[in-house]
Amino acid sequence: QVQLVESGGGLVQAGGSLRLSCAPSERSFRLNDVAWYRQAPGKQRELVASISTGGSTNYADFVKGRFTISRDNAKNTVYLQMASLKPEDTAVYYCNAHVYAFGTAQPYWGQGTQVTVSS
């Protein structure tokens, strides 16, 4: 069974930094295109950033200049480096990735990791 494992969330003060990680549960499962989403209480899930298999990146306007998405193909892991965090960045962050496993690529969601930014 394919699972995405997220880590790195936590509580941080405004202006601080966190780094989120997303990796498949088995090293033999390959990450293709990957995106980070977030969902705050009472709000819809929204796209934060994405990175293609080739490394092309896109960002939501509200994180441009503050967040950086990257990938380490050797470690089969995608990261979301978050800096200059604001209280409005508080949300559950989800990794969404097309994972190549068992001869096919399918989209999967991670379980989510809580990011809380205190003022």
C-alpha atoms as a PDB file:
ATOM      1  CA  GLN A   1       0.000   0.000   0.000  1.00  0.00           C
ATOM      2  CA  VAL A   2       1.332   3.420  -0.917  1.00  0.00           C
ATOM      3  CA  GLN A   3       1.489   6.045   1.802  1.00  0.00           C
ATOM      4  CA  LEU A   4       2.982   9.510   1.945  1.00  0.00           C
ATOM      5  CA  VAL A   5       4.739  10.338   5.181  1.00  0.00           C
ATOM      6  CA  GLU A   6       4.902  13.966   6.235  1.00  0.00           C
ATOM      7  CA  SER A   7       6.945  15.437   9.032  1.00  0.00           C
ATOM      8  CA  GLY A   8       8.259  18.735  10.341  1.00  0.00           C
ATOM      9  CA  GLY A   9       5.175  20.537  11.564  1.00  0.00           C
ATOM     10  CA  GLY A  10       4.969  22.167  14.948  1.00  0.00           C
ATOM     11  CA  LEU A  11       4.518  25.352  16.922  1.00  0.00           C
ATOM     12  CA  VAL A  12       6.610  28.384  16.045  1.00  0.00           C
ATOM     13  CA  GLN A  13       6.508  32.094  16.783  1.00  0.00           C
ATOM     14  CA  ALA A  14       5.708  34.611  14.098  1.00  0.00           C
ATOM     15  CA  GLY A  15       8.781  35.307  12.030  1.00  0.00           C
ATOM     16  CA  GLY A  16      10.148  31.839  12.613  1.00  0.00           C
ATOM     17  CA  SER A  17      10.855  28.975  10.250  1.00  0.00           C
ATOM     18  CA  LEU A  18       9.889  25.354   9.768  1.00  0.00           C
ATOM     19  CA  ARG A  19      10.730  22.717   7.203  1.00  0.00           C
ATOM     20  CA  LEU A  20       8.202  20.123   6.152  1.00  0.00           C
ATOM     21  CA  SER A  21       9.168  16.839   4.513  1.00  0.00           C
ATOM     22  CA  CYS A  22       7.182  14.446   2.344  1.00  0.00           C
ATOM     23  CA  ALA A  23       8.381  11.001   1.370  1.00  0.00           C
ATOM     24  CA  PRO A  24       6.754   7.740   0.296  1.00  0.00           C
ATOM     25  CA  SER A  25       6.495   4.915   2.807  1.00  0.00           C
ATOM     26  CA  GLU A  26       8.768   2.695   0.704  1.00  0.00           C
ATOM     27  CA  ARG A  27      11.996   3.851  -0.939  1.00  0.00           C
ATOM     28  CA  SER A  28      11.103   1.907  -4.080  1.00  0.00           C
ATOM     29  CA  PHE A  29       8.052   4.148  -4.609  1.00  0.00           C
ATOM     30  CA  ARG A  30       9.089   7.147  -6.691  1.00  0.00           C
ATOM     31  CA  LEU A  31       7.750  10.659  -6.245  1.00  0.00           C
ATOM     32  CA  ASN A  32       6.745  12.403  -9.462  1.00  0.00           C
ATOM     33  CA  ASP A  33       4.960  15.780  -9.360  1.00  0.00           C
ATOM     34  CA  VAL A  34       4.396  16.945  -5.788  1.00  0.00           C
ATOM     35  CA  ALA A  35       2.362  19.742  -4.247  1.00  0.00           C
ATOM     36  CA  TRP A  36       1.800  21.092  -0.762  1.00  0.00           C
ATOM     37  CA  TYR A  37      -1.677  22.198   0.252  1.00  0.00           C
ATOM     38  CA  ARG A  38      -2.966  23.634   3.492  1.00  0.00           C
ATOM     39  CA  GLN A  39      -6.294  23.842   5.225  1.00  0.00           C
ATOM     40  CA  ALA A  40      -7.089  26.205   8.043  1.00  0.00           C
ATOM     41  CA  PRO A  41     -10.107  25.668  10.319  1.00  0.00           C
ATOM     42  CA  GLY A  42     -13.306  26.647   8.542  1.00  0.00           C
ATOM     43  CA  LYS A  43     -11.547  27.242   5.247  1.00  0.00           C
ATOM     44  CA  GLN A  44     -11.117  25.293   2.041  1.00  0.00           C
ATOM     45  CA  ARG A  45      -7.926  23.455   1.255  1.00  0.00           C
ATOM     46  CA  GLU A  46      -5.645  25.645  -0.849  1.00  0.00           C
ATOM     47  CA  LEU A  47      -2.561  25.066  -2.957  1.00  0.00           C
ATOM     48  CA  VAL A  48       0.639  26.397  -1.430  1.00  0.00           C
ATOM     49  CA  ALA A  49       3.396  25.272  -3.792  1.00  0.00           C
ATOM     50  CA  SER A  50       4.212  22.600  -6.319  1.00  0.00           C
ATOM     51  CA  ILE A  51       7.262  21.052  -7.908  1.00  0.00           C
ATOM     52  CA  SER A  52       7.448  18.933 -11.025  1.00  0.00           C
ATOM     53  CA  THR A  53       9.543  15.834 -11.551  1.00  0.00           C
ATOM     54  CA  GLY A  54      12.008  18.025 -13.428  1.00  0.00           C
ATOM     55  CA  GLY A  55      12.175  20.611 -10.659  1.00  0.00           C
ATOM     56  CA  SER A  56       9.922  23.380 -11.992  1.00  0.00           C
ATOM     57  CA  THR A  57       8.205  25.187  -9.150  1.00  0.00           C
ATOM     58  CA  ASN A  58       5.091  27.252  -8.633  1.00  0.00           C
ATOM     59  CA  TYR A  59       3.910  29.194  -5.581  1.00  0.00           C
ATOM     60  CA  ALA A  60       0.728  30.743  -4.334  1.00  0.00           C
ATOM     61  CA  ASP A  61       1.017  34.519  -4.152  1.00  0.00           C
ATOM     62  CA  PHE A  62       0.582  34.496  -0.387  1.00  0.00           C
ATOM     63  CA  VAL A  63       3.827  32.505   0.138  1.00  0.00           C
ATOM     64  CA  LYS A  64       6.037  33.881  -2.615  1.00  0.00           C
ATOM     65  CA  GLY A  65       9.334  35.054  -1.217  1.00  0.00           C
ATOM     66  CA  ARG A  66       8.771  33.230   2.077  1.00  0.00           C
ATOM     67  CA  PHE A  67       8.373  29.534   1.224  1.00  0.00           C
ATOM     68  CA  THR A  68      10.614  27.356  -0.903  1.00  0.00           C
ATOM     69  CA  ILE A  69       9.695  23.950  -2.292  1.00  0.00           C
ATOM     70  CA  SER A  70      12.531  21.636  -3.260  1.00  0.00           C
ATOM     71  CA  ARG A  71      13.244  17.995  -3.860  1.00  0.00           C
ATOM     72  CA  ASP A  72      16.105  15.629  -3.179  1.00  0.00           C
ATOM     73  CA  ASN A  73      15.718  12.858  -5.702  1.00  0.00           C
ATOM     74  CA  ALA A  74      18.466  10.798  -4.093  1.00  0.00           C
ATOM     75  CA  LYS A  75      16.441  10.760  -0.883  1.00  0.00           C
ATOM     76  CA  ASN A  76      13.137  10.593  -2.755  1.00  0.00           C
ATOM     77  CA  THR A  77      11.875  13.432  -0.572  1.00  0.00           C
ATOM     78  CA  VAL A  78      10.234  16.799  -1.175  1.00  0.00           C
ATOM     79  CA  TYR A  79      10.620  19.677   1.256  1.00  0.00           C
ATOM     80  CA  LEU A  80       8.731  22.833   2.008  1.00  0.00           C
ATOM     81  CA  GLN A  81      10.973  25.368   3.708  1.00  0.00           C
ATOM     82  CA  MET A  82       8.821  27.989   5.390  1.00  0.00           C
ATOM     83  CA  ALA A  83      10.307  31.252   6.604  1.00  0.00           C
ATOM     84  CA  SER A  84       8.931  34.533   7.945  1.00  0.00           C
ATOM     85  CA  LEU A  85       5.906  32.631   9.177  1.00  0.00           C
ATOM     86  CA  LYS A  86       2.756  34.534  10.020  1.00  0.00           C
ATOM     87  CA  PRO A  87      -0.163  33.576  12.254  1.00  0.00           C
ATOM     88  CA  GLU A  88      -2.297  33.284   9.122  1.00  0.00           C
ATOM     89  CA  ASP A  89      -0.040  30.453   7.954  1.00  0.00           C
ATOM     90  CA  THR A  90      -1.510  28.317  10.728  1.00  0.00           C
ATOM     91  CA  ALA A  91      -3.099  25.266   9.110  1.00  0.00           C
ATOM     92  CA  VAL A  92      -2.783  21.565   8.508  1.00  0.00           C
ATOM     93  CA  TYR A  93      -0.347  21.103   5.653  1.00  0.00           C
ATOM     94  CA  TYR A  94      -0.842  18.206   3.270  1.00  0.00           C
ATOM     95  CA  CYS A  95       1.475  16.666   0.736  1.00  0.00           C
ATOM     96  CA  ASN A  96      -0.103  15.543  -2.522  1.00  0.00           C
ATOM     97  CA  ALA A  97       2.020  13.528  -4.894  1.00  0.00           C
ATOM     98  CA  HIS A  98       1.856  11.337  -7.926  1.00  0.00           C
ATOM     99  CA  VAL A  99       3.699   8.235  -6.800  1.00  0.00           C
ATOM    100  CA  TYR A 100       5.025   5.610  -9.157  1.00  0.00           C
ATOM    101  CA  ALA A 101       4.514   2.208  -7.587  1.00  0.00           C
ATOM    102  CA  PHE A 102       3.524  -1.246  -8.768  1.00  0.00           C
ATOM    103  CA  GLY A 103       3.917  -0.222 -12.397  1.00  0.00           C
ATOM    104  CA  THR A 104       1.666   2.840 -12.377  1.00  0.00           C
ATOM    105  CA  ALA A 105       1.563   6.438 -11.111  1.00  0.00           C
ATOM    106  CA  GLN A 106      -1.370   7.499  -8.966  1.00  0.00           C
ATOM    107  CA  PRO A 107      -2.088  10.570  -6.828  1.00  0.00           C
ATOM    108  CA  TYR A 108      -1.930  10.221  -3.069  1.00  0.00           C
ATOM    109  CA  TRP A 109      -2.428  12.469  -0.054  1.00  0.00           C
ATOM    110  CA  GLY A 110      -0.402  12.500   3.109  1.00  0.00           C
ATOM    111  CA  GLN A 111      -2.035  12.452   6.510  1.00  0.00           C
ATOM    112  CA  GLY A 112      -1.304  16.119   7.157  1.00  0.00           C
ATOM    113  CA  THR A 113       0.974  17.879   9.599  1.00  0.00           C
ATOM    114  CA  GLN A 114      -0.105  20.726  11.853  1.00  0.00           C
ATOM    115  CA  VAL A 115       1.679  24.062  11.618  1.00  0.00           C
ATOM    116  CA  THR A 116       0.797  26.606  14.279  1.00  0.00           C
ATOM    117  CA  VAL A 117       2.240  30.113  14.236  1.00  0.00           C
ATOM    118  CA  SER A 118       1.789  32.162  17.384  1.00  0.00           C
ATOM    119  CA  SER A 119       1.727  35.942  17.376  1.00  0.00           C
END
